[in-house]
Structures are given as structure tokens and as C-alpha cells.
Protein backbone atom coordinates (compact mmCIF):
# COMPACT_ATOMS: atom_id res chain seq x y z
CA UNK A 1 -56.22 -18.00 -30.66
CA UNK A 2 -55.66 -16.47 -27.22
CA UNK A 3 -53.89 -19.61 -26.07
CA UNK A 4 -51.79 -19.96 -29.21
CA UNK A 5 -48.67 -18.07 -28.18
CA UNK A 6 -46.90 -18.88 -31.44
CA UNK A 7 -49.76 -17.43 -33.48
CA UNK A 8 -49.82 -14.33 -31.27
CA UNK A 9 -46.09 -13.76 -31.68
CA UNK A 10 -46.22 -14.32 -35.45
CA UNK A 11 -49.21 -12.02 -35.83
CA UNK A 12 -47.50 -9.26 -33.84
CA UNK A 13 -44.43 -9.55 -36.06
CA UNK A 14 -46.54 -9.49 -39.24
CA UNK A 15 -48.51 -6.45 -38.09
CA UNK A 16 -45.32 -4.65 -37.14
CA UNK A 17 -43.78 -5.37 -40.55
CA UNK A 18 -46.95 -4.30 -42.37
CA UNK A 19 -47.12 -1.08 -40.32
CA UNK A 20 -43.47 -0.36 -41.16
CA UNK A 21 -44.26 -0.85 -44.86
CA UNK A 22 -47.20 1.57 -44.55
CA UNK A 23 -44.94 4.07 -42.77
CA UNK A 24 -42.43 3.76 -45.60
CA UNK A 25 -45.07 4.52 -48.26
CA UNK A 26 -46.50 7.45 -46.30
CA UNK A 27 -43.04 8.89 -45.63
CA UNK A 28 -42.08 8.51 -49.29
CA UNK A 29 -45.00 10.80 -50.13
CA UNK A 30 -44.02 13.46 -47.60
CA UNK A 31 -46.22 12.44 -44.68
CA UNK A 32 -45.10 11.86 -41.11
CA UNK A 33 -47.12 8.89 -39.83
CA UNK A 34 -47.91 8.86 -36.14
CA UNK A 35 -49.40 6.33 -33.78
CA UNK A 36 -48.41 3.29 -31.81
CA UNK A 37 -51.21 0.99 -32.98
CA UNK A 38 -50.01 -1.15 -35.89
CA UNK A 39 -53.51 -1.28 -37.39
CA UNK A 40 -53.59 2.32 -38.58
CA UNK A 41 -51.58 5.50 -38.83
CA UNK A 42 -52.50 9.14 -38.39
CA UNK A 43 -51.14 11.76 -40.74
CA UNK A 44 -51.48 15.51 -40.59
CA UNK A 45 -51.81 17.41 -43.84
CA UNK A 46 -53.04 20.82 -44.91
CA UNK A 47 -55.93 19.36 -46.91
CA UNK A 48 -56.91 16.13 -45.18
CA UNK A 49 -60.44 16.32 -46.56
CA UNK A 50 -59.15 16.73 -50.10
CA UNK A 51 -56.84 13.73 -49.66
CA UNK A 52 -59.73 11.78 -48.14
CA UNK A 53 -61.85 12.50 -51.23
CA UNK A 54 -59.02 11.74 -53.67
CA UNK A 55 -58.32 8.38 -52.02
CA UNK A 56 -62.04 7.57 -51.81
CA UNK A 57 -62.31 8.03 -55.58
CA UNK A 58 -59.66 5.29 -55.82
CA UNK A 59 -61.73 3.08 -53.45
CA UNK A 60 -59.32 3.63 -50.57
CA UNK A 61 -61.26 4.44 -47.43
CA UNK A 62 -59.70 6.60 -44.74
CA UNK A 63 -61.08 8.46 -41.76
CA UNK A 64 -61.10 12.25 -41.53
CA UNK A 65 -61.72 13.97 -38.20
CA UNK A 66 -64.35 16.68 -37.71
CA UNK A 67 -62.46 17.96 -34.68
CA UNK A 68 -59.23 18.45 -36.61
CA UNK A 69 -59.49 19.05 -40.37
CA UNK A 70 -55.74 18.40 -40.78
CA UNK A 71 -55.89 14.79 -39.55
CA UNK A 72 -56.50 11.68 -41.60
CA UNK A 73 -56.37 8.11 -40.32
CA UNK A 74 -55.17 5.47 -42.76
CA UNK A 75 -55.78 1.83 -41.96
CA UNK A 76 -53.26 -0.92 -42.51
CA UNK A 77 -53.68 -2.18 -46.09
CA UNK A 78 -54.97 -5.74 -46.26
CA UNK A 79 -52.18 -7.07 -48.48
CA UNK A 80 -49.20 -5.98 -50.61
CA UNK A 81 -51.47 -5.21 -53.58
CA UNK A 82 -53.55 -2.83 -51.45
CA UNK A 83 -50.38 -1.13 -50.23
CA UNK A 84 -49.29 -0.69 -53.87
CA UNK A 85 -52.72 0.83 -54.68
CA UNK A 86 -52.27 3.31 -51.83
CA UNK A 87 -48.76 4.13 -53.03
CA UNK A 88 -50.02 4.76 -56.57
CA UNK A 89 -52.98 6.83 -55.34
CA UNK A 90 -50.72 9.02 -53.21
CA UNK A 91 -48.41 9.53 -56.20
CA UNK A 92 -51.33 10.45 -58.46
CA UNK A 93 -51.77 13.78 -56.98
């Protein structure tokens, strides 16, 4: 894969598009996603642990931070259906 420049370019484009879709969903629910890595986004919210628990009950795993209880890291959903699940879970609030 490291030698396949076409695959690398296509994968970068796909990840960028998927990250933009995640940003759109997060923004639509009042969050300001941060981060340059297309594999996950960081959001800051008053009750990150509560959101972590609410999403976990919907089988959506995120990462809270002990060092900052307002931060929650959300990984790039695996496919459009997973992004829709996240969207619905964020709306079910």
C-alpha cells in the first residue's frame, strides 16, 4: 500500500470527505469539532461524561479525558450507516 500512490491519494480524499461529513453532523448538533487528524474529532461540551454515557448506551464508543472533563473524542464512523446512528443518537438527547 505504501507504494500505491493512487490508493494513498484516494484514501486521503475519502478520509477527508468522511471527516467533513462527521464535522457536519457534529456542527448540526451544536458542537464545534476540532482537530487536524481525519480519523477523529475532539469536541468540548459541558457534560462530556454524560454524552459519553448516552452514546455508549447506543453502542457508540467515544473517548472521554480524565485531564479535561469537557473533552470528548469521537472517531470517524466506519460507514454512512454508522454516521446516521451517531446523528440520531446526538438528536435523541
